C-alpha cells in the first residue's frame, strides 16, 4: 500500500536567508534614494531649466519667448564675455602655478616631523576656512588708499612715498587679487600634500639614500610618482575653481579698472543681473559648463596616460 509523503515546509533558516536576500535591494535603494532626490532637485532639474532658458528670450520681467539659437549665435558679439575669456585663462594659469609652487615650498616646513609642524599646518590652513567674499573685504581694507595698512607698511619701509594704488591699474589689480587667492588657498593644498607625503613609505627614501640618490632623484623617482593622484586632484580643483572665480573680483576690484578684471562668471553675472537678459546668460552658462566638463576630461585623460606610461 503506497503512502503519501507529507509536504515539508522550508526550514526557518532558509526562509530567513531568503527574506534577507529580498530585503537587501530595498535597503540599498532606501539609502540611495535621499542622495538621488538631492541630485535630482539640485542638479538635474536646474540643469534642464537652464538649457530650456538658453533657447528663450527671457527678460527679468515679462514673458519669455522662444528665439531658437539666437542666444548662442550672439555670443561672439558679446565683447565683455570674449574679453573675459582671455583674462580668466591668464588668471587661471597664474593662480594655479603660483599656488602650487608656494604650497610645495611650505610643505617642507609643515610636512616635517619637527616640533612646531602642527602649528604651521594650522596657521597655513586657517585662511581657507574664511569665505572668499569675507577674505576679499579683509584684503580691500588692507590695500585701501586712504586707510589701508599695506600702504602704511610700504611707506614705513621706504618703498613708497604715498599710496601705491593696489587697484589703480590692471596689472596691480591682478597682482593684488593673486596675493589674496594665494593667501587663502595655499593652506588647503599644503594639508592635502602633507597627507599625500605621509602615505609614502619611509623605507623607500631610506633605501634611495643608501643607494646614493640625491634630493632631486628622490623627488623625481619617489615623491612625484607617489603624489600623482594627489597632484591630479589638486590640479583639477585649482583649475576649475580659478575658471569659476567671481567673489574675489566682485568684492575687491568690481571688474575694474576699465573692465580689465572681469572673469567669465562675472560677465555672466552682468548679463543676467545688469543687462537683465536671463536667456543669454543661460546660454553662456551652458557653454561654460561644457567647457569645464571637456577640460576636466582632457586633464584626467592626460594624467592617466602619463601614469600608464610610467
C-alpha atoms as a PDB file:
ATOM      1  CA  UNK A   1       0.000   0.000   0.000  1.00  0.00           C
ATOM      2  CA  UNK A   2       1.512   3.339  -1.102  1.00  0.00           C
ATOM      3  CA  UNK A   3       1.880   6.006   1.483  1.00  0.00           C
ATOM      4  CA  UNK A   4       1.730   9.722   0.746  1.00  0.00           C
ATOM      5  CA  UNK A   5       4.798  11.702   1.690  1.00  0.00           C
ATOM      6  CA  UNK A   6       3.772  14.816   3.555  1.00  0.00           C
ATOM      7  CA  UNK A   7       4.946  18.135   2.098  1.00  0.00           C
ATOM      8  CA  UNK A   8       7.637  19.722   4.206  1.00  0.00           C
ATOM      9  CA  UNK A   9       7.738  23.475   4.640  1.00  0.00           C
ATOM     10  CA  UNK A  10      11.014  25.342   4.165  1.00  0.00           C
ATOM     11  CA  UNK A  11      13.190  25.399   7.186  1.00  0.00           C
ATOM     12  CA  UNK A  12      13.132  28.620   9.222  1.00  0.00           C
ATOM     13  CA  UNK A  13      16.815  29.287   8.466  1.00  0.00           C
ATOM     14  CA  UNK A  14      16.231  29.060   4.702  1.00  0.00           C
ATOM     15  CA  UNK A  15      13.202  31.353   4.975  1.00  0.00           C
ATOM     16  CA  UNK A  16      15.205  33.936   6.893  1.00  0.00           C
ATOM     17  CA  UNK A  17      18.010  33.855   4.325  1.00  0.00           C
ATOM     18  CA  UNK A  18      15.515  34.354   1.505  1.00  0.00           C
ATOM     19  CA  UNK A  19      13.905  37.273   3.327  1.00  0.00           C
ATOM     20  CA  UNK A  20      17.285  38.905   3.924  1.00  0.00           C
ATOM     21  CA  UNK A  21      18.196  38.425   0.258  1.00  0.00           C
ATOM     22  CA  UNK A  22      14.939  40.050  -0.837  1.00  0.00           C
ATOM     23  CA  UNK A  23      15.386  42.935   1.596  1.00  0.00           C
ATOM     24  CA  UNK A  24      18.919  43.856   0.517  1.00  0.00           C
ATOM     25  CA  UNK A  25      17.950  45.664  -2.729  1.00  0.00           C
ATOM     26  CA  UNK A  26      15.208  47.527  -0.882  1.00  0.00           C
ATOM     27  CA  UNK A  27      17.601  48.584   1.874  1.00  0.00           C
ATOM     28  CA  UNK A  28      20.172  49.712  -0.697  1.00  0.00           C
ATOM     29  CA  UNK A  29      17.537  51.694  -2.578  1.00  0.00           C
ATOM     30  CA  UNK A  30      16.412  53.317   0.669  1.00  0.00           C
ATOM     31  CA  UNK A  31      19.964  54.515   1.358  1.00  0.00           C
ATOM     32  CA  UNK A  32      20.473  55.787  -2.199  1.00  0.00           C
ATOM     33  CA  UNK A  33      17.068  57.471  -2.526  1.00  0.00           C
ATOM     34  CA  UNK A  34      17.788  60.617  -0.431  1.00  0.00           C
ATOM     35  CA  UNK A  35      21.003  61.316  -2.349  1.00  0.00           C
ATOM     36  CA  UNK A  36      19.224  60.670  -5.660  1.00  0.00           C
ATOM     37  CA  UNK A  37      16.456  63.103  -4.712  1.00  0.00           C
ATOM     38  CA  UNK A  38      19.009  65.767  -3.768  1.00  0.00           C
ATOM     39  CA  UNK A  39      20.878  65.320  -7.074  1.00  0.00           C
ATOM     40  CA  UNK A  40      17.595  65.418  -8.984  1.00  0.00           C
ATOM     41  CA  UNK A  41      16.293  68.573  -7.295  1.00  0.00           C
ATOM     42  CA  UNK A  42      19.559  70.497  -7.015  1.00  0.00           C
ATOM     43  CA  UNK A  43      21.297  69.480 -10.249  1.00  0.00           C
ATOM     44  CA  UNK A  44      19.228  67.646 -12.863  1.00  0.00           C
ATOM     45  CA  UNK A  45      16.112  69.844 -12.663  1.00  0.00           C
ATOM     46  CA  UNK A  46      18.031  73.175 -12.588  1.00  0.00           C
ATOM     47  CA  UNK A  47      20.210  71.975 -15.473  1.00  0.00           C
ATOM     48  CA  UNK A  48      17.136  71.159 -17.561  1.00  0.00           C
ATOM     49  CA  UNK A  49      15.614  74.551 -16.713  1.00  0.00           C
ATOM     50  CA  UNK A  50      18.899  76.262 -17.631  1.00  0.00           C
ATOM     51  CA  UNK A  51      19.045  74.536 -21.023  1.00  0.00           C
ATOM     52  CA  UNK A  52      15.403  75.452 -21.659  1.00  0.00           C
ATOM     53  CA  UNK A  53      16.063  79.097 -20.744  1.00  0.00           C
ATOM     54  CA  UNK A  54      19.038  79.245 -23.107  1.00  0.00           C
ATOM     55  CA  UNK A  55      16.670  78.884 -26.077  1.00  0.00           C
ATOM     56  CA  UNK A  56      14.364  81.655 -24.868  1.00  0.00           C
ATOM     57  CA  UNK A  57      14.313  85.428 -24.930  1.00  0.00           C
ATOM     58  CA  UNK A  58      13.870  85.588 -21.169  1.00  0.00           C
ATOM     59  CA  UNK A  59      13.739  89.089 -19.663  1.00  0.00           C
ATOM     60  CA  UNK A  60      13.879  89.599 -15.911  1.00  0.00           C
ATOM     61  CA  UNK A  61      10.338  90.958 -16.054  1.00  0.00           C
ATOM     62  CA  UNK A  62       7.869  89.828 -18.670  1.00  0.00           C
ATOM     63  CA  UNK A  63       7.024  86.653 -20.530  1.00  0.00           C
ATOM     64  CA  UNK A  64       9.757  84.557 -22.182  1.00  0.00           C
ATOM     65  CA  UNK A  65       9.569  83.879 -25.901  1.00  0.00           C
ATOM     66  CA  UNK A  66      11.381  81.179 -27.911  1.00  0.00           C
ATOM     67  CA  UNK A  67      14.230  82.526 -30.036  1.00  0.00           C
ATOM     68  CA  UNK A  68      15.978  79.361 -31.198  1.00  0.00           C
ATOM     69  CA  UNK A  69      19.762  79.581 -31.278  1.00  0.00           C
ATOM     70  CA  UNK A  70      19.944  83.383 -31.145  1.00  0.00           C
ATOM     71  CA  UNK A  71      21.417  83.388 -27.635  1.00  0.00           C
ATOM     72  CA  UNK A  72      24.239  81.108 -28.784  1.00  0.00           C
ATOM     73  CA  UNK A  73      24.954  82.783 -32.129  1.00  0.00           C
ATOM     74  CA  UNK A  74      25.199  86.178 -30.411  1.00  0.00           C
ATOM     75  CA  UNK A  75      27.984  85.062 -28.030  1.00  0.00           C
ATOM     76  CA  UNK A  76      30.827  86.129 -30.416  1.00  0.00           C
ATOM     77  CA  UNK A  77      29.315  89.636 -30.405  1.00  0.00           C
ATOM     78  CA  UNK A  78      29.462  89.823 -26.595  1.00  0.00           C
ATOM     79  CA  UNK A  79      32.708  91.779 -26.246  1.00  0.00           C
ATOM     80  CA  UNK A  80      32.595  91.691 -22.456  1.00  0.00           C
ATOM     81  CA  UNK A  81      32.440  87.890 -22.357  1.00  0.00           C
ATOM     82  CA  UNK A  82      35.040  87.413 -25.103  1.00  0.00           C
ATOM     83  CA  UNK A  83      37.445  89.698 -23.251  1.00  0.00           C
ATOM     84  CA  UNK A  84      36.687  87.875 -20.013  1.00  0.00           C
ATOM     85  CA  UNK A  85      37.764  84.557 -21.561  1.00  0.00           C
ATOM     86  CA  UNK A  86      41.329  85.766 -22.109  1.00  0.00           C
ATOM     87  CA  UNK A  87      41.611  87.324 -18.662  1.00  0.00           C
ATOM     88  CA  UNK A  88      40.166  84.238 -16.960  1.00  0.00           C
ATOM     89  CA  UNK A  89      42.636  81.941 -18.714  1.00  0.00           C
ATOM     90  CA  UNK A  90      45.551  84.205 -17.735  1.00  0.00           C
ATOM     91  CA  UNK A  91      44.364  84.359 -14.143  1.00  0.00           C
ATOM     92  CA  UNK A  92      43.842  80.569 -14.042  1.00  0.00           C
ATOM     93  CA  UNK A  93      47.382  79.825 -15.241  1.00  0.00           C
ATOM     94  CA  UNK A  94      48.994  82.322 -12.859  1.00  0.00           C
ATOM     95  CA  UNK A  95      46.919  81.314  -9.831  1.00  0.00           C
ATOM     96  CA  UNK A  96      47.401  77.578 -10.390  1.00  0.00           C
ATOM     97  CA  UNK A  97      51.171  77.793 -10.906  1.00  0.00           C
ATOM     98  CA  UNK A  98      51.832  80.226  -8.039  1.00  0.00           C
ATOM     99  CA  UNK A  99      49.689  78.310  -5.544  1.00  0.00           C
ATOM    100  CA  UNK A 100      51.393  75.031  -6.482  1.00  0.00           C
ATOM    101  CA  UNK A 101      54.893  76.487  -6.131  1.00  0.00           C
ATOM    102  CA  UNK A 102      54.200  78.225  -2.823  1.00  0.00           C
ATOM    103  CA  UNK A 103      52.460  75.128  -1.445  1.00  0.00           C
ATOM    104  CA  UNK A 104      55.423  72.901  -2.317  1.00  0.00           C
ATOM    105  CA  UNK A 105      57.777  75.301  -0.548  1.00  0.00           C
ATOM    106  CA  UNK A 106      55.607  75.420   2.575  1.00  0.00           C
ATOM    107  CA  UNK A 107      55.236  71.628   2.679  1.00  0.00           C
ATOM    108  CA  UNK A 108      58.923  71.464   3.577  1.00  0.00           C
ATOM    109  CA  UNK A 109      58.006  73.200   6.851  1.00  0.00           C
ATOM    110  CA  UNK A 110      54.527  71.824   7.508  1.00  0.00           C
ATOM    111  CA  UNK A 111      55.351  68.268   6.436  1.00  0.00           C
ATOM    112  CA  UNK A 112      58.316  67.754   8.708  1.00  0.00           C
ATOM    113  CA  UNK A 113      58.213  65.842  11.975  1.00  0.00           C
ATOM    114  CA  UNK A 114      59.941  68.596  13.907  1.00  0.00           C
ATOM    115  CA  UNK A 115      58.353  70.485  16.778  1.00  0.00           C
ATOM    116  CA  UNK A 116      56.021  73.220  15.616  1.00  0.00           C
ATOM    117  CA  UNK A 117      54.988  71.485  12.381  1.00  0.00           C
ATOM    118  CA  UNK A 118      51.381  71.119  13.569  1.00  0.00           C
ATOM    119  CA  UNK A 119      51.317  74.810  14.465  1.00  0.00           C
ATOM    120  CA  UNK A 120      52.424  75.722  10.937  1.00  0.00           C
ATOM    121  CA  UNK A 121      49.811  73.429   9.387  1.00  0.00           C
ATOM    122  CA  UNK A 122      47.063  75.078  11.426  1.00  0.00           C
ATOM    123  CA  UNK A 123      48.365  78.553  10.618  1.00  0.00           C
ATOM    124  CA  UNK A 124      48.523  77.850   6.889  1.00  0.00           C
ATOM    125  CA  UNK A 125      45.045  76.285   6.859  1.00  0.00           C
ATOM    126  CA  UNK A 126      43.208  78.995   8.832  1.00  0.00           C
ATOM    127  CA  UNK A 127      42.691  81.401   5.873  1.00  0.00           C
ATOM    128  CA  UNK A 128      40.999  78.605   3.918  1.00  0.00           C
ATOM    129  CA  UNK A 129      38.051  78.499   6.329  1.00  0.00           C
ATOM    130  CA  UNK A 130      37.337  82.183   5.656  1.00  0.00           C
ATOM    131  CA  UNK A 131      34.762  82.769   2.934  1.00  0.00           C
ATOM    132  CA  UNK A 132      36.113  84.202  -0.305  1.00  0.00           C
ATOM    133  CA  UNK A 133      33.895  87.284  -0.104  1.00  0.00           C
ATOM    134  CA  UNK A 134      34.933  87.880   3.512  1.00  0.00           C
ATOM    135  CA  UNK A 135      38.592  87.455   2.565  1.00  0.00           C
ATOM    136  CA  UNK A 136      38.057  89.976  -0.226  1.00  0.00           C
ATOM    137  CA  UNK A 137      36.688  92.513   2.251  1.00  0.00           C
ATOM    138  CA  UNK A 138      39.690  91.944   4.539  1.00  0.00           C
ATOM    139  CA  UNK A 139      42.069  92.427   1.627  1.00  0.00           C
ATOM    140  CA  UNK A 140      40.224  95.532   0.402  1.00  0.00           C
ATOM    141  CA  UNK A 141      40.507  97.171   3.805  1.00  0.00           C
ATOM    142  CA  UNK A 142      44.235  96.333   3.851  1.00  0.00           C
ATOM    143  CA  UNK A 143      45.021  97.836   0.414  1.00  0.00           C
ATOM    144  CA  UNK A 144      42.669 100.821   0.605  1.00  0.00           C
ATOM    145  CA  UNK A 145      44.492 104.003  -0.438  1.00  0.00           C
ATOM    146  CA  UNK A 146      43.144 106.049   2.471  1.00  0.00           C
ATOM    147  CA  UNK A 147      43.207 103.694   5.449  1.00  0.00           C
ATOM    148  CA  UNK A 148      44.913 100.504   4.239  1.00  0.00           C
ATOM    149  CA  UNK A 149      47.676  99.097   6.399  1.00  0.00           C
ATOM    150  CA  UNK A 150      49.562  97.847   3.329  1.00  0.00           C
ATOM    151  CA  UNK A 151      50.277 101.416   2.184  1.00  0.00           C
ATOM    152  CA  UNK A 152      51.428 102.347   5.681  1.00  0.00           C
ATOM    153  CA  UNK A 153      53.854  99.406   5.770  1.00  0.00           C
ATOM    154  CA  UNK A 154      55.297 100.321   2.359  1.00  0.00           C
ATOM    155  CA  UNK A 155      55.829 103.923   3.451  1.00  0.00           C
ATOM    156  CA  UNK A 156      57.466 102.891   6.740  1.00  0.00           C
ATOM    157  CA  UNK A 157      59.858 100.608   4.838  1.00  0.00           C
ATOM    158  CA  UNK A 158      60.653 103.419   2.416  1.00  0.00           C
ATOM    159  CA  UNK A 159      59.288 101.527  -0.581  1.00  0.00           C
ATOM    160  CA  UNK A 160      56.640 104.120  -1.427  1.00  0.00           C
ATOM    161  CA  UNK A 161      56.243 107.874  -0.972  1.00  0.00           C
ATOM    162  CA  UNK A 162      52.457 107.687  -0.934  1.00  0.00           C
ATOM    163  CA  UNK A 163      49.540 105.353  -1.652  1.00  0.00           C
ATOM    164  CA  UNK A 164      50.758 102.648  -4.003  1.00  0.00           C
ATOM    165  CA  UNK A 165      47.378 102.223  -5.681  1.00  0.00           C
ATOM    166  CA  UNK A 166      46.963  98.474  -5.374  1.00  0.00           C
ATOM    167  CA  UNK A 167      43.857  98.534  -7.586  1.00  0.00           C
ATOM    168  CA  UNK A 168      44.683 101.506  -9.816  1.00  0.00           C
ATOM    169  CA  UNK A 169      45.934  99.629 -12.907  1.00  0.00           C
ATOM    170  CA  UNK A 170      45.021  96.273 -14.475  1.00  0.00           C
ATOM    171  CA  UNK A 171      48.414  94.804 -13.560  1.00  0.00           C
ATOM    172  CA  UNK A 172      48.258  95.957  -9.944  1.00  0.00           C
ATOM    173  CA  UNK A 173      44.646  94.786  -9.582  1.00  0.00           C
ATOM    174  CA  UNK A 174      45.564  91.333 -10.896  1.00  0.00           C
ATOM    175  CA  UNK A 175      48.624  91.170  -8.625  1.00  0.00           C
ATOM    176  CA  UNK A 176      46.572  92.180  -5.572  1.00  0.00           C
ATOM    177  CA  UNK A 177      43.901  89.591  -6.336  1.00  0.00           C
ATOM    178  CA  UNK A 178      46.527  86.882  -6.829  1.00  0.00           C
ATOM    179  CA  UNK A 179      48.042  87.641  -3.418  1.00  0.00           C
ATOM    180  CA  UNK A 180      44.583  87.247  -1.884  1.00  0.00           C
ATOM    181  CA  UNK A 181      43.971  83.932  -3.643  1.00  0.00           C
ATOM    182  CA  UNK A 182      47.401  82.556  -2.725  1.00  0.00           C
ATOM    183  CA  UNK A 183      46.961  83.572   0.923  1.00  0.00           C
ATOM    184  CA  UNK A 184      43.539  81.940   1.090  1.00  0.00           C
ATOM    185  CA  UNK A 185      44.035  78.685  -0.805  1.00  0.00           C
ATOM    186  CA  UNK A 186      47.604  77.534  -0.166  1.00  0.00           C
ATOM    187  CA  UNK A 187      46.578  76.105   3.220  1.00  0.00           C
ATOM    188  CA  UNK A 188      44.265  73.553   1.619  1.00  0.00           C
ATOM    189  CA  UNK A 189      46.907  72.400  -0.841  1.00  0.00           C
ATOM    190  CA  UNK A 190      49.548  72.223   1.889  1.00  0.00           C
ATOM    191  CA  UNK A 191      47.377  69.944   4.033  1.00  0.00           C
ATOM    192  CA  UNK A 192      46.499  67.681   1.088  1.00  0.00           C
ATOM    193  CA  UNK A 193      50.148  67.444   0.054  1.00  0.00           C
ATOM    194  CA  UNK A 194      51.229  66.678   3.618  1.00  0.00           C
ATOM    195  CA  UNK A 195      48.712  63.825   3.775  1.00  0.00           C
ATOM    196  CA  UNK A 196      49.976  62.533   0.427  1.00  0.00           C
ATOM    197  CA  UNK A 197      53.595  62.678   1.579  1.00  0.00           C
ATOM    198  CA  UNK A 198      52.801  60.842   4.796  1.00  0.00           C
ATOM    199  CA  UNK A 199      51.338  57.972   2.759  1.00  0.00           C
ATOM    200  CA  UNK A 200      54.714  57.329   1.079  1.00  0.00           C
ATOM    201  CA  UNK A 201      56.648  54.548   2.876  1.00  0.00           C
ATOM    202  CA  UNK A 202      59.714  55.962   4.597  1.00  0.00           C
ATOM    203  CA  UNK A 203      61.680  52.831   3.734  1.00  0.00           C
ATOM    204  CA  UNK A 204      61.795  53.940   0.100  1.00  0.00           C
ATOM    205  CA  UNK A 205      63.586  57.166   0.977  1.00  0.00           C
ATOM    206  CA  UNK A 206      65.950  55.293   3.272  1.00  0.00           C
ATOM    207  CA  UNK A 207      66.815  52.766   0.572  1.00  0.00           C
ATOM    208  CA  UNK A 208      67.313  55.516  -2.010  1.00  0.00           C
ATOM    209  CA  UNK A 209      69.560  57.429   0.374  1.00  0.00           C
ATOM    210  CA  UNK A 210      71.682  54.317   0.959  1.00  0.00           C
ATOM    211  CA  UNK A 211      71.973  53.854  -2.810  1.00  0.00           C
ATOM    212  CA  UNK A 212      73.382  57.377  -3.121  1.00  0.00           C
ATOM    213  CA  UNK A 213      70.295  59.113  -4.546  1.00  0.00           C
ATOM    214  CA  UNK A 214      70.383  62.878  -4.048  1.00  0.00           C
ATOM    215  CA  UNK A 215      67.418  65.103  -3.178  1.00  0.00           C
ATOM    216  CA  UNK A 216      66.394  65.650  -6.802  1.00  0.00           C
ATOM    217  CA  UNK A 217      66.451  61.931  -7.572  1.00  0.00           C
ATOM    218  CA  UNK A 218      64.326  61.165  -4.510  1.00  0.00           C
ATOM    219  CA  UNK A 219      61.815  63.814  -5.577  1.00  0.00           C
ATOM    220  CA  UNK A 220      61.733  62.622  -9.178  1.00  0.00           C
ATOM    221  CA  UNK A 221      61.595  58.862  -8.683  1.00  0.00           C
ATOM    222  CA  UNK A 222      59.774  58.541  -5.343  1.00  0.00           C
ATOM    223  CA  UNK A 223      57.887  61.668  -4.296  1.00  0.00           C
ATOM    224  CA  UNK A 224      56.354  62.769  -7.595  1.00  0.00           C
ATOM    225  CA  UNK A 225      55.226  59.292  -8.777  1.00  0.00           C
ATOM    226  CA  UNK A 226      53.539  58.569  -5.449  1.00  0.00           C
ATOM    227  CA  UNK A 227      51.939  62.035  -5.375  1.00  0.00           C
ATOM    228  CA  UNK A 228      50.463  61.824  -8.886  1.00  0.00           C
ATOM    229  CA  UNK A 229      46.881  61.068  -7.726  1.00  0.00           C
ATOM    230  CA  UNK A 230      47.113  63.885  -5.181  1.00  0.00           C
ATOM    231  CA  UNK A 231      48.532  66.317  -7.724  1.00  0.00           C
ATOM    232  CA  UNK A 232      45.824  65.363 -10.226  1.00  0.00           C
ATOM    233  CA  UNK A 233      43.130  66.138  -7.659  1.00  0.00           C
ATOM    234  CA  UNK A 234      44.702  69.484  -6.744  1.00  0.00           C
ATOM    235  CA  UNK A 235      45.165  70.429 -10.398  1.00  0.00           C
ATOM    236  CA  UNK A 236      41.528  69.766 -11.259  1.00  0.00           C
ATOM    237  CA  UNK A 237      40.264  71.622  -8.185  1.00  0.00           C
ATOM    238  CA  UNK A 238      42.585  74.574  -8.770  1.00  0.00           C
ATOM    239  CA  UNK A 239      41.841  74.968 -12.471  1.00  0.00           C
ATOM    240  CA  UNK A 240      38.085  74.562 -12.032  1.00  0.00           C
ATOM    241  CA  UNK A 241      37.981  76.950  -9.081  1.00  0.00           C
ATOM    242  CA  UNK A 242      40.023  79.571 -10.940  1.00  0.00           C
ATOM    243  CA  UNK A 243      37.852  79.376 -14.050  1.00  0.00           C
ATOM    244  CA  UNK A 244      34.768  79.910 -11.872  1.00  0.00           C
ATOM    245  CA  UNK A 245      36.255  82.846  -9.943  1.00  0.00           C
ATOM    246  CA  UNK A 246      33.792  85.573  -9.078  1.00  0.00           C
ATOM    247  CA  UNK A 247      33.670  86.560  -5.396  1.00  0.00           C
ATOM    248  CA  UNK A 248      37.183  87.950  -5.072  1.00  0.00           C
ATOM    249  CA  UNK A 249      36.842  90.153  -8.154  1.00  0.00           C
ATOM    250  CA  UNK A 250      33.326  91.246  -7.273  1.00  0.00           C
ATOM    251  CA  UNK A 251      34.395  92.413  -3.809  1.00  0.00           C
ATOM    252  CA  UNK A 252      37.951  93.558  -4.465  1.00  0.00           C
ATOM    253  CA  UNK A 253      38.058  95.129  -7.940  1.00  0.00           C
ATOM    254  CA  UNK A 254      34.434  95.334  -9.129  1.00  0.00           C
ATOM    255  CA  UNK A 255      35.788  94.263 -12.505  1.00  0.00           C
ATOM    256  CA  UNK A 256      37.950  97.373 -12.789  1.00  0.00           C
ATOM    257  CA  UNK A 257      39.791  99.293 -13.762  1.00  0.00           C
ATOM    258  CA  UNK A 258      38.060  99.644 -17.145  1.00  0.00           C
ATOM    259  CA  UNK A 259      36.568  96.126 -17.057  1.00  0.00           C
ATOM    260  CA  UNK A 260      40.092  94.667 -17.100  1.00  0.00           C
ATOM    261  CA  UNK A 261      39.481  92.142 -14.302  1.00  0.00           C
ATOM    262  CA  UNK A 262      36.135  90.725 -15.367  1.00  0.00           C
ATOM    263  CA  UNK A 263      36.062  86.926 -15.362  1.00  0.00           C
ATOM    264  CA  UNK A 264      33.703  84.716 -17.341  1.00  0.00           C
ATOM    265  CA  UNK A 265      31.405  84.216 -14.366  1.00  0.00           C
ATOM    266  CA  UNK A 266      31.469  87.965 -13.689  1.00  0.00           C
ATOM    267  CA  UNK A 267      30.468  88.623 -17.317  1.00  0.00           C
ATOM    268  CA  UNK A 268      27.699  86.067 -16.938  1.00  0.00           C
ATOM    269  CA  UNK A 269      26.520  87.860 -13.790  1.00  0.00           C
ATOM    270  CA  UNK A 270      26.470  91.210 -15.604  1.00  0.00           C
ATOM    271  CA  UNK A 271      24.477  89.717 -18.465  1.00  0.00           C
ATOM    272  CA  UNK A 272      21.858  88.314 -16.097  1.00  0.00           C
ATOM    273  CA  UNK A 273      21.551  90.986 -13.407  1.00  0.00           C
ATOM    274  CA  UNK A 274      22.835  94.173 -15.031  1.00  0.00           C
ATOM    275  CA  UNK A 275      21.544  93.732 -18.581  1.00  0.00           C
ATOM    276  CA  UNK A 276      18.604  91.609 -17.310  1.00  0.00           C
ATOM    277  CA  UNK A 277      18.991  89.144 -20.195  1.00  0.00           C
ATOM    278  CA  UNK A 278      18.465  85.799 -18.469  1.00  0.00           C
ATOM    279  CA  UNK A 279      18.220  83.812 -21.694  1.00  0.00           C
ATOM    280  CA  UNK A 280      21.606  84.954 -22.951  1.00  0.00           C
ATOM    281  CA  UNK A 281      23.113  84.414 -19.501  1.00  0.00           C
ATOM    282  CA  UNK A 282      21.739  80.861 -19.529  1.00  0.00           C
ATOM    283  CA  UNK A 283      23.396  80.224 -22.899  1.00  0.00           C
ATOM    284  CA  UNK A 284      26.715  81.497 -21.533  1.00  0.00           C
ATOM    285  CA  UNK A 285      26.292  79.174 -18.540  1.00  0.00           C
ATOM    286  CA  UNK A 286      25.743  76.163 -20.794  1.00  0.00           C
ATOM    287  CA  UNK A 287      28.848  76.998 -22.831  1.00  0.00           C
ATOM    288  CA  UNK A 288      30.896  77.427 -19.647  1.00  0.00           C
ATOM    289  CA  UNK A 289      29.613  74.114 -18.269  1.00  0.00           C
ATOM    290  CA  UNK A 290      30.510  72.243 -21.467  1.00  0.00           C
ATOM    291  CA  UNK A 291      33.978  73.831 -21.487  1.00  0.00           C
ATOM    292  CA  UNK A 292      34.611  72.811 -17.872  1.00  0.00           C
ATOM    293  CA  UNK A 293      33.492  69.222 -18.488  1.00  0.00           C
ATOM    294  CA  UNK A 294      35.701  68.909 -21.574  1.00  0.00           C
ATOM    295  CA  UNK A 295      38.669  70.460 -19.775  1.00  0.00           C
ATOM    296  CA  UNK A 296      38.359  68.075 -16.828  1.00  0.00           C
ATOM    297  CA  UNK A 297      38.020  65.085 -19.165  1.00  0.00           C
ATOM    298  CA  UNK A 298      41.176  66.163 -21.027  1.00  0.00           C
ATOM    299  CA  UNK A 299      43.091  66.670 -17.778  1.00  0.00           C
ATOM    300  CA  UNK A 300      42.101  63.231 -16.497  1.00  0.00           C
ATOM    301  CA  UNK A 301      42.973  61.587 -19.826  1.00  0.00           C
ATOM    302  CA  UNK A 302      46.417  63.231 -19.908  1.00  0.00           C
ATOM    303  CA  UNK A 303      47.164  62.344 -16.294  1.00  0.00           C
ATOM    304  CA  UNK A 304      46.052  58.729 -16.772  1.00  0.00           C
ATOM    305  CA  UNK A 305      48.149  58.402 -19.945  1.00  0.00           C
ATOM    306  CA  UNK A 306      51.236  59.688 -18.155  1.00  0.00           C
ATOM    307  CA  UNK A 307      50.543  57.352 -15.256  1.00  0.00           C
ATOM    308  CA  UNK A 308      50.294  54.345 -17.586  1.00  0.00           C
ATOM    309  CA  UNK A 309      53.491  55.370 -19.410  1.00  0.00           C
ATOM    310  CA  UNK A 310      55.352  55.478 -16.104  1.00  0.00           C
END
